[in-house]
Each structure stands twice: as structure tokens, then as C-alpha cells.
Amino acid sequence: MLRADALQTIYPELENRIVVTIMGAVAAELYTLGHRPNFFYLEHAMGLASSMGLGIALSMPEHKVIVIDGDGSLLMNLGTLSTMARYKPGNLLHIVFDNESLLSVGGFPTATSTGTDLAGIARASGVPSVMEANTSESLKASVSEALASNRLTTIISKVEAIGPKSFHMDLPLLENRFQFKRCLEALQRQLKT
């Protein structure tokens, strides 16, 4: 499955959710589908999208938070799985696209290319719901199921190591930060009214 196709399949589910993603191919492909103020592209912090998503989920428990991650990024911060499992925010969905490579920074193979099992690590870390979805249809069903539940969920989705034709985004990342902050503030205000 192509990650771009997978993102297109789940894109409608992202409309009213808080979305945090890593930079690189994931961000460029998501941006191409259409940027929304509730999307945050985490720059210069490979491995930390899941940590940021966890913090937002814990501080805003009334809102669903979706982290879109990659295998290389998750492997750089593998302890995030046990930290997420410790706190178990039911409003957090962690989607990991595993292309077995560091595609956005040269295409070097990751440990998943030689057998590391991210779903197995998530289960062993205590994540209450771990799914594997390797087709667009199974990913869509898994995301819908996870969002309908009130359980911390990690979905591992194998994708091909093919990236976008261009990594260019016509959105200054500083402006993305301001948009995202304003979006979170608006969500909080809505709860008070």
C-alpha cells in the first residue's frame, strides 16, 4: 500500500480531530490532500510527534488526538510506547506508517527491515489496543474502530518506501504553529460555552 493512498483513505476522519505528524514524506503527503488548522507538522523533532500527541491528549481529554508517525521516528523514541501505555489516554490514536526505511532522510533501512516488530513492542509495552492494517480498507476500518472506542490505540501499517515527488509545502512552519495554537484555544473555548 502507498502511504499517500492510506492517508487519502483516512483523511475524512481527520477533519474534526487534533492531528500531530512528523515532517518529511508524511507531512508533505498530508499537506497535498489539504491543510487544515488542526494539523501540526512537527519540525526538527524526529521521534517526538507521539510525545507531543500524548501531552495534548492528556491536557485535552475531551478531544480525539491522532498522531501520524513513521517507523524511523518511532524507533528514535521507542520509550514513548511504554509512556503512552502508562497513562492510557483513551482519546489518543497513534498511527505508524512502517516503510522499513528512513525515506525522508536518505532511504536508509530501519530495524523493521530486519525483523523488529513494532506491533509486538507496542503490545509488550502495555498499549491496550494494537492493530495491524496493511490495506487501505483495513486501515480505514481500524481507524474508525479506534476513534469509536475510548482506548489508547496504536495502528501499525506497512507501506511501500515511496515518497512524494516534492517535499515542498507552501505553509511557513511558524504560521503552522500559530494556526495550530489558535485551533486548540478555540476548541477549549467551545467547551466553556
N, C-alpha and C. Protein backbone atom coordinates (compact mmCIF):
# COMPACT_ATOMS: atom_id res chain seq x y z
N MET A 1 0.85 -1.17 0.00
CA MET A 1 0.00 0.00 0.00
C MET A 1 0.90 1.24 0.00
N LEU A 2 0.48 2.25 -0.72
CA LEU A 2 1.19 3.52 -0.71
C LEU A 2 0.69 4.36 0.47
N ARG A 3 1.60 5.03 1.14
CA ARG A 3 1.21 5.88 2.27
C ARG A 3 0.26 6.99 1.81
N ALA A 4 0.50 7.54 0.61
CA ALA A 4 -0.37 8.60 0.09
C ALA A 4 -1.81 8.09 -0.03
N ASP A 5 -1.98 6.85 -0.50
CA ASP A 5 -3.32 6.27 -0.62
C ASP A 5 -3.92 6.03 0.76
N ALA A 6 -3.09 5.57 1.68
CA ALA A 6 -3.56 5.33 3.06
C ALA A 6 -4.04 6.63 3.69
N LEU A 7 -3.27 7.70 3.51
CA LEU A 7 -3.66 9.00 4.07
C LEU A 7 -4.96 9.49 3.45
N GLN A 8 -5.10 9.31 2.14
CA GLN A 8 -6.32 9.73 1.48
C GLN A 8 -7.53 8.97 2.03
N THR A 9 -7.34 7.70 2.33
CA THR A 9 -8.43 6.88 2.86
C THR A 9 -8.90 7.37 4.22
N ILE A 10 -7.96 7.79 5.07
CA ILE A 10 -8.35 8.21 6.43
C ILE A 10 -8.55 9.72 6.55
N TYR A 11 -8.26 10.48 5.51
CA TYR A 11 -8.34 11.94 5.55
C TYR A 11 -9.69 12.45 6.09
N PRO A 12 -10.82 11.90 5.69
CA PRO A 12 -12.10 12.40 6.23
C PRO A 12 -12.20 12.29 7.75
N GLU A 13 -11.54 11.31 8.35
CA GLU A 13 -11.57 11.13 9.80
C GLU A 13 -10.75 12.19 10.54
N LEU A 14 -9.92 12.93 9.81
CA LEU A 14 -9.02 13.90 10.44
C LEU A 14 -9.63 15.28 10.59
N GLU A 15 -10.80 15.49 10.00
CA GLU A 15 -11.38 16.83 9.92
C GLU A 15 -11.61 17.47 11.28
N ASN A 16 -12.20 16.77 12.19
CA ASN A 16 -12.54 17.35 13.50
C ASN A 16 -11.69 16.79 14.62
N ARG A 17 -10.49 16.40 14.32
CA ARG A 17 -9.58 15.83 15.31
C ARG A 17 -8.33 16.70 15.39
N ILE A 18 -7.62 16.56 16.49
CA ILE A 18 -6.32 17.21 16.63
C ILE A 18 -5.30 16.24 16.02
N VAL A 19 -4.52 16.73 15.05
CA VAL A 19 -3.60 15.86 14.31
C VAL A 19 -2.18 16.39 14.46
N VAL A 20 -1.28 15.52 14.90
CA VAL A 20 0.14 15.85 15.01
C VAL A 20 0.89 14.84 14.16
N THR A 21 1.77 15.33 13.32
CA THR A 21 2.52 14.43 12.46
C THR A 21 3.99 14.85 12.38
N ILE A 22 4.80 13.90 11.98
CA ILE A 22 6.21 14.18 11.76
C ILE A 22 6.37 14.94 10.44
N MET A 23 7.53 15.54 10.24
CA MET A 23 7.82 16.21 8.98
C MET A 23 8.25 15.16 7.95
N GLY A 24 8.59 15.63 6.78
CA GLY A 24 9.05 14.73 5.74
C GLY A 24 7.91 14.25 4.87
N ALA A 25 8.00 13.01 4.42
CA ALA A 25 7.04 12.46 3.47
C ALA A 25 5.62 12.47 4.00
N VAL A 26 5.44 12.10 5.26
CA VAL A 26 4.08 12.07 5.84
C VAL A 26 3.46 13.46 5.78
N ALA A 27 4.17 14.47 6.23
CA ALA A 27 3.64 15.83 6.25
C ALA A 27 3.36 16.33 4.83
N ALA A 28 4.29 16.10 3.90
CA ALA A 28 4.12 16.58 2.53
C ALA A 28 2.89 15.93 1.88
N GLU A 29 2.70 14.64 2.10
CA GLU A 29 1.54 13.96 1.51
C GLU A 29 0.24 14.40 2.17
N LEU A 30 0.26 14.60 3.46
CA LEU A 30 -0.94 15.07 4.14
C LEU A 30 -1.27 16.50 3.69
N TYR A 31 -0.27 17.33 3.59
CA TYR A 31 -0.45 18.72 3.14
C TYR A 31 -1.04 18.75 1.73
N THR A 32 -0.60 17.86 0.87
CA THR A 32 -1.10 17.80 -0.50
C THR A 32 -2.60 17.49 -0.54
N LEU A 33 -3.08 16.72 0.42
CA LEU A 33 -4.51 16.41 0.47
C LEU A 33 -5.34 17.62 0.90
N GLY A 34 -4.74 18.56 1.56
CA GLY A 34 -5.42 19.76 2.00
C GLY A 34 -5.12 20.06 3.45
N HIS A 35 -4.42 21.16 3.67
CA HIS A 35 -4.06 21.55 5.03
C HIS A 35 -5.28 22.03 5.79
N ARG A 36 -5.31 21.73 7.07
CA ARG A 36 -6.34 22.22 7.98
C ARG A 36 -5.65 22.82 9.20
N PRO A 37 -6.27 23.82 9.85
CA PRO A 37 -5.63 24.45 11.02
C PRO A 37 -5.42 23.48 12.18
N ASN A 38 -6.11 22.35 12.20
CA ASN A 38 -5.95 21.36 13.27
C ASN A 38 -4.82 20.37 13.00
N PHE A 39 -4.04 20.62 11.95
CA PHE A 39 -2.88 19.77 11.62
C PHE A 39 -1.60 20.47 12.09
N PHE A 40 -0.78 19.75 12.83
CA PHE A 40 0.51 20.30 13.24
C PHE A 40 1.62 19.41 12.69
N TYR A 41 2.51 20.02 11.92
CA TYR A 41 3.64 19.33 11.32
C TYR A 41 4.86 19.59 12.21
N LEU A 42 5.27 18.59 12.96
CA LEU A 42 6.33 18.78 13.95
C LEU A 42 7.70 18.82 13.28
N GLU A 43 8.29 20.00 13.27
CA GLU A 43 9.56 20.24 12.59
C GLU A 43 10.75 20.03 13.54
N HIS A 44 11.83 19.49 13.01
CA HIS A 44 13.11 19.36 13.71
C HIS A 44 12.99 18.61 15.04
N ALA A 45 12.11 17.64 15.11
CA ALA A 45 11.94 16.89 16.36
C ALA A 45 11.57 15.44 16.03
N MET A 46 12.36 14.83 15.16
CA MET A 46 12.06 13.46 14.75
C MET A 46 11.95 12.56 15.98
N GLY A 47 10.87 11.83 16.05
CA GLY A 47 10.64 10.92 17.16
C GLY A 47 9.70 11.46 18.21
N LEU A 48 9.38 12.76 18.15
CA LEU A 48 8.64 13.35 19.25
C LEU A 48 7.17 13.66 18.95
N ALA A 49 6.67 13.31 17.78
CA ALA A 49 5.25 13.54 17.49
C ALA A 49 4.37 12.79 18.48
N SER A 50 4.75 11.56 18.81
CA SER A 50 3.95 10.77 19.75
C SER A 50 3.98 11.38 21.15
N SER A 51 5.11 11.93 21.54
CA SER A 51 5.21 12.57 22.85
C SER A 51 4.36 13.83 22.90
N MET A 52 4.40 14.62 21.84
CA MET A 52 3.58 15.83 21.78
C MET A 52 2.10 15.45 21.78
N GLY A 53 1.74 14.44 20.98
CA GLY A 53 0.35 13.99 20.94
C GLY A 53 -0.13 13.50 22.29
N LEU A 54 0.73 12.80 23.01
CA LEU A 54 0.39 12.32 24.35
C LEU A 54 0.11 13.50 25.27
N GLY A 55 0.96 14.50 25.24
CA GLY A 55 0.76 15.67 26.09
C GLY A 55 -0.55 16.38 25.78
N ILE A 56 -0.87 16.53 24.51
CA ILE A 56 -2.13 17.18 24.12
C ILE A 56 -3.31 16.31 24.56
N ALA A 57 -3.22 15.01 24.35
CA ALA A 57 -4.32 14.11 24.73
C ALA A 57 -4.59 14.17 26.22
N LEU A 58 -3.53 14.23 27.01
CA LEU A 58 -3.70 14.29 28.47
C LEU A 58 -4.28 15.63 28.92
N SER A 59 -3.90 16.71 28.25
CA SER A 59 -4.37 18.02 28.66
C SER A 59 -5.72 18.40 28.04
N MET A 60 -6.14 17.67 27.01
CA MET A 60 -7.42 17.94 26.35
C MET A 60 -8.21 16.64 26.19
N PRO A 61 -8.60 16.00 27.29
CA PRO A 61 -9.20 14.67 27.22
C PRO A 61 -10.54 14.61 26.50
N GLU A 62 -11.17 15.75 26.27
CA GLU A 62 -12.47 15.77 25.59
C GLU A 62 -12.32 15.66 24.08
N HIS A 63 -11.11 15.75 23.57
CA HIS A 63 -10.87 15.77 22.13
C HIS A 63 -10.03 14.57 21.70
N LYS A 64 -10.36 14.03 20.54
CA LYS A 64 -9.56 12.94 19.97
C LYS A 64 -8.29 13.52 19.36
N VAL A 65 -7.18 12.87 19.66
CA VAL A 65 -5.88 13.28 19.14
C VAL A 65 -5.34 12.13 18.30
N ILE A 66 -4.92 12.46 17.08
CA ILE A 66 -4.35 11.45 16.18
C ILE A 66 -2.91 11.84 15.89
N VAL A 67 -1.99 10.93 16.17
CA VAL A 67 -0.58 11.11 15.82
C VAL A 67 -0.30 10.24 14.61
N ILE A 68 0.27 10.85 13.57
CA ILE A 68 0.66 10.10 12.38
C ILE A 68 2.18 10.08 12.37
N ASP A 69 2.72 8.90 12.51
CA ASP A 69 4.14 8.69 12.76
C ASP A 69 4.74 7.80 11.67
N GLY A 70 6.04 7.62 11.74
CA GLY A 70 6.73 6.70 10.85
C GLY A 70 7.58 5.75 11.67
N ASP A 71 8.01 4.66 11.06
CA ASP A 71 8.80 3.67 11.80
C ASP A 71 10.13 4.24 12.27
N GLY A 72 10.80 5.02 11.42
CA GLY A 72 12.07 5.61 11.83
C GLY A 72 11.90 6.55 13.00
N SER A 73 10.85 7.33 12.95
CA SER A 73 10.56 8.28 14.03
C SER A 73 10.24 7.54 15.33
N LEU A 74 9.39 6.54 15.25
CA LEU A 74 9.04 5.78 16.46
C LEU A 74 10.26 5.08 17.04
N LEU A 75 11.11 4.54 16.18
CA LEU A 75 12.31 3.85 16.67
C LEU A 75 13.26 4.81 17.38
N MET A 76 13.23 6.09 17.02
CA MET A 76 14.09 7.07 17.69
C MET A 76 13.59 7.41 19.10
N ASN A 77 12.33 7.08 19.38
CA ASN A 77 11.75 7.40 20.68
C ASN A 77 10.88 6.23 21.13
N LEU A 78 11.44 5.04 21.12
CA LEU A 78 10.68 3.82 21.39
C LEU A 78 10.05 3.81 22.78
N GLY A 79 10.65 4.52 23.71
CA GLY A 79 10.10 4.59 25.05
C GLY A 79 8.74 5.26 25.12
N THR A 80 8.36 5.96 24.04
CA THR A 80 7.04 6.60 24.02
C THR A 80 5.92 5.59 24.15
N LEU A 81 6.12 4.37 23.66
CA LEU A 81 5.06 3.35 23.76
C LEU A 81 4.77 2.99 25.21
N SER A 82 5.80 2.81 26.01
CA SER A 82 5.56 2.48 27.42
C SER A 82 5.03 3.69 28.18
N THR A 83 5.44 4.90 27.78
CA THR A 83 4.90 6.09 28.44
C THR A 83 3.42 6.26 28.10
N MET A 84 3.06 6.09 26.84
CA MET A 84 1.65 6.16 26.46
C MET A 84 0.85 5.09 27.21
N ALA A 85 1.40 3.88 27.28
CA ALA A 85 0.71 2.78 27.96
C ALA A 85 0.55 3.06 29.45
N ARG A 86 1.49 3.76 30.03
CA ARG A 86 1.38 4.08 31.46
C ARG A 86 0.17 4.97 31.73
N TYR A 87 -0.03 5.97 30.86
CA TYR A 87 -1.11 6.93 31.09
C TYR A 87 -2.42 6.55 30.40
N LYS A 88 -2.35 5.75 29.36
CA LYS A 88 -3.51 5.22 28.64
C LYS A 88 -4.61 6.24 28.31
N PRO A 89 -4.27 7.34 27.68
CA PRO A 89 -5.34 8.28 27.31
C PRO A 89 -6.25 7.65 26.25
N GLY A 90 -7.51 7.51 26.57
CA GLY A 90 -8.46 6.88 25.65
C GLY A 90 -8.75 7.70 24.42
N ASN A 91 -8.33 8.95 24.42
CA ASN A 91 -8.58 9.83 23.28
C ASN A 91 -7.40 9.92 22.32
N LEU A 92 -6.40 9.04 22.49
CA LEU A 92 -5.19 9.10 21.65
C LEU A 92 -5.13 7.91 20.70
N LEU A 93 -4.99 8.22 19.42
CA LEU A 93 -4.77 7.22 18.37
C LEU A 93 -3.41 7.48 17.75
N HIS A 94 -2.56 6.47 17.74
CA HIS A 94 -1.19 6.57 17.23
C HIS A 94 -1.09 5.68 15.99
N ILE A 95 -0.99 6.30 14.83
CA ILE A 95 -0.87 5.56 13.56
C ILE A 95 0.59 5.61 13.13
N VAL A 96 1.16 4.45 12.87
CA VAL A 96 2.57 4.37 12.47
C VAL A 96 2.64 3.76 11.07
N PHE A 97 3.11 4.55 10.11
CA PHE A 97 3.35 4.04 8.77
C PHE A 97 4.78 3.49 8.72
N ASP A 98 4.88 2.19 8.51
CA ASP A 98 6.16 1.48 8.53
C ASP A 98 6.58 1.15 7.10
N ASN A 99 7.53 1.93 6.56
CA ASN A 99 8.05 1.64 5.23
C ASN A 99 9.44 1.01 5.29
N GLU A 100 9.85 0.63 6.49
CA GLU A 100 11.14 -0.04 6.72
C GLU A 100 12.33 0.79 6.28
N SER A 101 12.15 2.11 6.24
CA SER A 101 13.28 2.96 5.85
C SER A 101 13.12 4.36 6.41
N LEU A 102 14.24 5.07 6.42
CA LEU A 102 14.25 6.50 6.75
C LEU A 102 14.13 7.26 5.44
N LEU A 103 12.98 7.12 4.81
CA LEU A 103 12.76 7.63 3.46
C LEU A 103 13.05 9.12 3.34
N SER A 104 12.61 9.89 4.31
CA SER A 104 12.73 11.35 4.21
C SER A 104 14.14 11.86 4.40
N VAL A 105 15.04 11.03 4.92
CA VAL A 105 16.41 11.47 5.15
C VAL A 105 17.43 10.55 4.50
N GLY A 106 17.10 10.04 3.33
CA GLY A 106 18.08 9.27 2.58
C GLY A 106 17.69 7.84 2.25
N GLY A 107 16.65 7.32 2.84
CA GLY A 107 16.19 5.98 2.50
C GLY A 107 16.94 4.85 3.14
N PHE A 108 17.69 5.12 4.20
CA PHE A 108 18.42 4.06 4.89
C PHE A 108 17.43 3.10 5.55
N PRO A 109 17.74 1.81 5.58
CA PRO A 109 16.82 0.86 6.20
C PRO A 109 16.72 1.05 7.71
N THR A 110 15.52 0.81 8.25
CA THR A 110 15.34 0.85 9.70
C THR A 110 15.36 -0.58 10.23
N ALA A 111 15.29 -0.70 11.54
CA ALA A 111 15.31 -2.03 12.17
C ALA A 111 14.12 -2.88 11.78
N THR A 112 13.02 -2.26 11.34
CA THR A 112 11.87 -3.08 10.94
C THR A 112 12.17 -3.86 9.66
N SER A 113 13.15 -3.40 8.88
CA SER A 113 13.52 -4.11 7.66
C SER A 113 14.23 -5.42 7.97
N THR A 114 14.70 -5.58 9.20
CA THR A 114 15.40 -6.81 9.58
C THR A 114 14.65 -7.57 10.68
N GLY A 115 13.36 -7.25 10.86
CA GLY A 115 12.55 -8.06 11.75
C GLY A 115 11.99 -7.42 13.00
N THR A 116 12.38 -6.21 13.33
CA THR A 116 11.79 -5.58 14.52
C THR A 116 10.29 -5.43 14.31
N ASP A 117 9.53 -5.85 15.30
CA ASP A 117 8.07 -5.90 15.23
C ASP A 117 7.48 -4.79 16.10
N LEU A 118 7.10 -3.68 15.47
CA LEU A 118 6.59 -2.54 16.23
C LEU A 118 5.26 -2.85 16.92
N ALA A 119 4.41 -3.63 16.28
CA ALA A 119 3.15 -4.02 16.92
C ALA A 119 3.43 -4.87 18.16
N GLY A 120 4.38 -5.78 18.05
CA GLY A 120 4.76 -6.62 19.19
C GLY A 120 5.33 -5.78 20.34
N ILE A 121 6.13 -4.77 20.00
CA ILE A 121 6.70 -3.90 21.03
C ILE A 121 5.59 -3.09 21.70
N ALA A 122 4.65 -2.60 20.91
CA ALA A 122 3.54 -1.83 21.48
C ALA A 122 2.72 -2.71 22.43
N ARG A 123 2.45 -3.95 22.03
CA ARG A 123 1.70 -4.86 22.91
C ARG A 123 2.48 -5.14 24.19
N ALA A 124 3.77 -5.43 24.05
CA ALA A 124 4.60 -5.73 25.21
C ALA A 124 4.76 -4.51 26.12
N SER A 125 4.61 -3.31 25.57
CA SER A 125 4.70 -2.09 26.36
C SER A 125 3.43 -1.83 27.16
N GLY A 126 2.35 -2.52 26.80
CA GLY A 126 1.10 -2.36 27.52
C GLY A 126 0.07 -1.48 26.84
N VAL A 127 0.29 -1.14 25.57
CA VAL A 127 -0.73 -0.38 24.83
C VAL A 127 -1.97 -1.26 24.76
N PRO A 128 -3.13 -0.79 25.24
CA PRO A 128 -4.30 -1.65 25.37
C PRO A 128 -4.90 -2.16 24.06
N SER A 129 -4.76 -1.39 22.98
CA SER A 129 -5.29 -1.83 21.70
C SER A 129 -4.23 -1.60 20.63
N VAL A 130 -3.79 -2.68 20.03
CA VAL A 130 -2.78 -2.61 18.97
C VAL A 130 -3.35 -3.34 17.75
N MET A 131 -3.35 -2.67 16.62
CA MET A 131 -3.87 -3.25 15.39
C MET A 131 -2.82 -3.17 14.30
N GLU A 132 -2.94 -4.07 13.35
CA GLU A 132 -2.10 -4.03 12.16
C GLU A 132 -3.02 -3.91 10.96
N ALA A 133 -2.77 -2.94 10.11
CA ALA A 133 -3.64 -2.66 8.97
C ALA A 133 -2.78 -2.39 7.76
N ASN A 134 -2.75 -3.33 6.84
CA ASN A 134 -1.83 -3.23 5.71
C ASN A 134 -2.52 -3.04 4.36
N THR A 135 -3.82 -2.74 4.40
CA THR A 135 -4.54 -2.35 3.19
C THR A 135 -5.33 -1.09 3.52
N SER A 136 -5.70 -0.35 2.50
CA SER A 136 -6.48 0.87 2.74
C SER A 136 -7.78 0.56 3.45
N GLU A 137 -8.42 -0.53 3.06
CA GLU A 137 -9.70 -0.90 3.67
C GLU A 137 -9.53 -1.25 5.14
N SER A 138 -8.51 -2.05 5.46
CA SER A 138 -8.32 -2.43 6.87
C SER A 138 -7.87 -1.24 7.70
N LEU A 139 -7.12 -0.32 7.10
CA LEU A 139 -6.71 0.88 7.83
C LEU A 139 -7.93 1.74 8.14
N LYS A 140 -8.78 1.95 7.15
CA LYS A 140 -9.99 2.75 7.37
C LYS A 140 -10.85 2.15 8.47
N ALA A 141 -11.03 0.82 8.43
CA ALA A 141 -11.84 0.15 9.46
C ALA A 141 -11.18 0.25 10.83
N SER A 142 -9.88 0.10 10.89
CA SER A 142 -9.16 0.18 12.17
C SER A 142 -9.23 1.57 12.77
N VAL A 143 -9.08 2.59 11.94
CA VAL A 143 -9.16 3.97 12.41
C VAL A 143 -10.56 4.26 12.93
N SER A 144 -11.57 3.84 12.19
CA SER A 144 -12.96 4.06 12.64
C SER A 144 -13.22 3.36 13.97
N GLU A 145 -12.75 2.12 14.09
CA GLU A 145 -12.93 1.37 15.33
C GLU A 145 -12.21 2.06 16.49
N ALA A 146 -10.99 2.50 16.25
CA ALA A 146 -10.20 3.15 17.31
C ALA A 146 -10.86 4.45 17.76
N LEU A 147 -11.34 5.25 16.81
CA LEU A 147 -11.95 6.52 17.16
C LEU A 147 -13.29 6.34 17.88
N ALA A 148 -13.98 5.24 17.60
CA ALA A 148 -15.25 4.97 18.27
C ALA A 148 -15.04 4.44 19.69
N SER A 149 -13.88 3.88 19.94
CA SER A 149 -13.58 3.34 21.27
C SER A 149 -13.08 4.46 22.18
N ASN A 150 -12.90 4.13 23.40
CA ASN A 150 -12.26 5.07 24.33
C ASN A 150 -11.02 4.39 24.89
N ARG A 151 -10.20 3.87 23.96
CA ARG A 151 -8.98 3.15 24.34
C ARG A 151 -7.79 3.69 23.57
N LEU A 152 -6.70 3.85 24.26
CA LEU A 152 -5.44 4.17 23.60
C LEU A 152 -5.19 3.09 22.55
N THR A 153 -4.94 3.52 21.32
CA THR A 153 -4.74 2.56 20.23
C THR A 153 -3.52 2.93 19.42
N THR A 154 -2.74 1.92 19.06
CA THR A 154 -1.64 2.07 18.11
C THR A 154 -1.97 1.19 16.91
N ILE A 155 -1.89 1.77 15.73
CA ILE A 155 -2.10 1.02 14.48
C ILE A 155 -0.78 1.05 13.72
N ILE A 156 -0.27 -0.14 13.41
CA ILE A 156 0.93 -0.26 12.59
C ILE A 156 0.49 -0.62 11.18
N SER A 157 0.93 0.16 10.21
CA SER A 157 0.50 -0.03 8.84
C SER A 157 1.73 -0.07 7.93
N LYS A 158 1.97 -1.23 7.34
CA LYS A 158 3.09 -1.36 6.40
C LYS A 158 2.76 -0.64 5.09
N VAL A 159 3.70 0.18 4.64
CA VAL A 159 3.54 0.90 3.38
C VAL A 159 4.82 0.77 2.57
N GLU A 160 4.70 1.05 1.29
CA GLU A 160 5.87 0.98 0.41
C GLU A 160 6.79 2.18 0.69
N ALA A 161 8.05 1.99 0.45
CA ALA A 161 9.05 3.05 0.66
C ALA A 161 9.10 3.97 -0.56
N ILE A 162 7.97 4.61 -0.82
CA ILE A 162 7.85 5.55 -1.93
C ILE A 162 7.34 6.86 -1.35
N GLY A 163 8.04 7.93 -1.65
CA GLY A 163 7.67 9.23 -1.10
C GLY A 163 7.04 10.13 -2.14
N PRO A 164 6.71 11.34 -1.73
CA PRO A 164 6.11 12.29 -2.66
C PRO A 164 7.13 12.79 -3.68
N LYS A 165 6.63 13.32 -4.79
CA LYS A 165 7.53 13.87 -5.80
C LYS A 165 8.23 15.11 -5.28
N SER A 166 7.55 15.83 -4.39
CA SER A 166 8.12 17.04 -3.81
C SER A 166 7.80 17.09 -2.32
N PHE A 167 8.74 17.56 -1.55
CA PHE A 167 8.54 17.73 -0.11
C PHE A 167 8.16 19.19 0.21
N HIS A 168 7.97 19.99 -0.83
CA HIS A 168 7.67 21.42 -0.63
C HIS A 168 6.26 21.62 -0.08
N MET A 169 6.15 22.50 0.91
CA MET A 169 4.86 22.88 1.47
C MET A 169 4.79 24.40 1.49
N ASP A 170 3.72 24.96 0.95
CA ASP A 170 3.56 26.42 0.90
C ASP A 170 2.99 26.96 2.21
N LEU A 171 3.46 26.43 3.31
CA LEU A 171 3.00 26.87 4.62
C LEU A 171 4.22 27.12 5.48
N PRO A 172 4.48 28.38 5.83
CA PRO A 172 5.59 28.63 6.75
C PRO A 172 5.33 27.89 8.07
N LEU A 173 6.31 27.17 8.54
CA LEU A 173 6.10 26.34 9.73
C LEU A 173 5.80 27.16 10.97
N LEU A 174 6.29 28.39 11.03
CA LEU A 174 5.95 29.26 12.15
C LEU A 174 4.45 29.58 12.10
N GLU A 175 3.93 29.83 10.91
CA GLU A 175 2.49 30.09 10.77
C GLU A 175 1.70 28.85 11.16
N ASN A 176 2.19 27.66 10.81
CA ASN A 176 1.52 26.43 11.21
C ASN A 176 1.41 26.35 12.73
N ARG A 177 2.46 26.74 13.43
CA ARG A 177 2.42 26.73 14.90
C ARG A 177 1.33 27.66 15.43
N PHE A 178 1.26 28.88 14.85
CA PHE A 178 0.26 29.84 15.30
C PHE A 178 -1.15 29.35 14.99
N GLN A 179 -1.36 28.82 13.78
CA GLN A 179 -2.67 28.29 13.41
C GLN A 179 -3.11 27.18 14.37
N PHE A 180 -2.19 26.28 14.64
CA PHE A 180 -2.49 25.14 15.49
C PHE A 180 -2.82 25.60 16.91
N LYS A 181 -2.04 26.52 17.43
CA LYS A 181 -2.30 27.07 18.77
C LYS A 181 -3.68 27.71 18.83
N ARG A 182 -4.00 28.53 17.81
CA ARG A 182 -5.31 29.17 17.78
C ARG A 182 -6.43 28.13 17.69
N CYS A 183 -6.20 27.07 16.94
CA CYS A 183 -7.19 25.99 16.82
C CYS A 183 -7.44 25.32 18.17
N LEU A 184 -6.37 25.00 18.89
CA LEU A 184 -6.51 24.37 20.21
C LEU A 184 -7.22 25.30 21.18
N GLU A 185 -6.89 26.59 21.13
CA GLU A 185 -7.57 27.56 22.01
C GLU A 185 -9.06 27.65 21.69
N ALA A 186 -9.40 27.62 20.41
CA ALA A 186 -10.81 27.67 20.01
C ALA A 186 -11.55 26.43 20.49
N LEU A 187 -10.92 25.27 20.41
CA LEU A 187 -11.54 24.04 20.91
C LEU A 187 -11.81 24.13 22.41
N GLN A 188 -10.88 24.68 23.13
CA GLN A 188 -11.05 24.84 24.58
C GLN A 188 -12.17 25.83 24.90
N ARG A 189 -12.26 26.92 24.13
CA ARG A 189 -13.33 27.91 24.34
C ARG A 189 -14.70 27.28 24.08
N GLN A 190 -14.79 26.44 23.06
CA GLN A 190 -16.06 25.79 22.74
C GLN A 190 -16.59 24.98 23.92
N LEU A 191 -15.69 24.38 24.67
CA LEU A 191 -16.10 23.57 25.81
C LEU A 191 -16.67 24.43 26.93
N LYS A 192 -16.21 25.67 27.01
CA LYS A 192 -16.65 26.55 28.09
C LYS A 192 -17.99 27.22 27.79
N THR A 193 -18.43 27.19 26.53
CA THR A 193 -19.69 27.85 26.17
C THR A 193 -20.85 26.88 26.17
